[in-house]
Amino acid sequence: MSRVLASRHFNKAPLLSAFLSYVCEASLADENIRISEQSIGVRVFRRPADYDPGQDNIVRNYARQLRRRLDGYYLDEGRMETCLIDMPKGGYSVIFKRRSPESRSGVGSDVQPPFEVDSDARSEEQNESNRLEVSGAIDAVQGKKSRLITLALWAVALCCGCAFAVWHLDHRLAESPLHRLWSQIFQADRDTVVVPADVGFVILQQLNNRTYSLAEYESWSPVEQYDHVYMSFLKAQRYTSMLDLDTVSRLQELPEVVSSRFMTRAPRSLTTEDLNNDNVILLGSIYSNPWMEVFERNLNFHFVNQPQAGRFWVQNTHPMGGEEATYENKTRNMTHETYGVIALLGNLSKSGHVLIIEGLDGPGTEAAVGLLLQGDSMRRVLHRATRSDGTLGNFEVLIAATSVDTRATGTYIVAERYYP
């Protein structure tokens, strides 16, 4: 097991390593033991003893990652291992299996001629018969050869067609203004975690006329005796909006997505290990997704909320020529003007990327999502953010959107920032 934990698949993932160590040690201690999700949550992920696995799915999320990484290890660094560690689906106990060596066998055959021709020993009649047989055999061979040539030509044409289709798809992807962005967010060797907003978090702040920090959010236990029952219920549940669910669905359909590496996680289940090791997409704003707080210090456009005053706006920390210091929702007759921000930053370890998509309200977030998924308006931004090696550097984009009946219509870019 030490070689597995020292591999590149696990050596930078302390929680996954702790998970694997715990289930291996427990299974070795008693091969008939049934390791519970509850015990893993308490022992590995430091959840309280009375936590509810039905409400907190962190163990199930990490179990999926653990199985994938074990498979990756045995296909890569561990391909010569004779003993395999396996955690079958449906439980958390592991089994240790001996890998049988692959056997190879060769098959040989001798081809015998179908007939012999000896004109000296046979009569003319037999010779004529042989000539007829030879002629028929030649015709059969030529017919078979003709069919093989036809099949070969069809195969070549099919391969050329497939190659052209693949080239055409790659060419279309390469021409897409957003391909460079999505190919950095979705990678075959790294998980991408999408984190939708927590609607319960928004309701709590509105009910209490105050904002909560990430530290406060993380400290909430599922039930607090001094809290009103309704408040405790909101703190324990995981609610999100239909807009965010639709966004997750649309992201999954992108051609650059690596489906085995695509994950969705509630803010309550996110960990700093995710922000260190994975690519992350944060949806919402600091008012609805408290993990935005981790990256606020790296942004020029800050979302400021004063629920007691009923105000929520974007603060432009360092205004440039023609820019305003604050951007706040405005309603005129039947139209509503709102704002959103799109930002690409490094994750906490700078080994991956964090894509932030936030809005002052639903239409603001919807406008930011639409800009990212439909693309052409971002072409100039991504061109300016491209480094000399072809990768994207960090950037921020402030956008404005006009909405009618809560649906974003016109969207345009207000300000941009680029970072090395």
Foldseek 3Di string as FASTA:
>chain_A
DVVLCPDPLHVLQVLLSLLVVVLAVVCVVPVPDFDDPLVCCCPRVVADNPADCVFAVLSVVSVLSSQVSQVVCCVPVVVVPQWGWHQDPPGRHIDIDGDDDDDDDDDDDDDDDPDDDDPVPDDPVVNVVVVVVVVVVVVVVVVVVVVVVVVVVVVVVVVVVVVVVVVVVVVVLVPFLQSLVLLQQADPSFAEEEEAFAVLLLVLCLVVQHHDAPVRLLPQHLDDPVDDPVNSPSSRHGDHDPLSVVLLVLSCPDPSHDVSRYHYDYLNSDDLSCLQGHEYEYEAACSGRNVVVVCQVVDQWHWDDRSNVPFIWIARNDDDPPDDRIGGWDDDDQKIKWKWKWKWDAGPNSPGIYIYQYISDQQRSVLSSCCSSVGPLCNVVQVVQADPVGHGFIKMWMKMFMDGPSHTDDIHTDDMDYDD
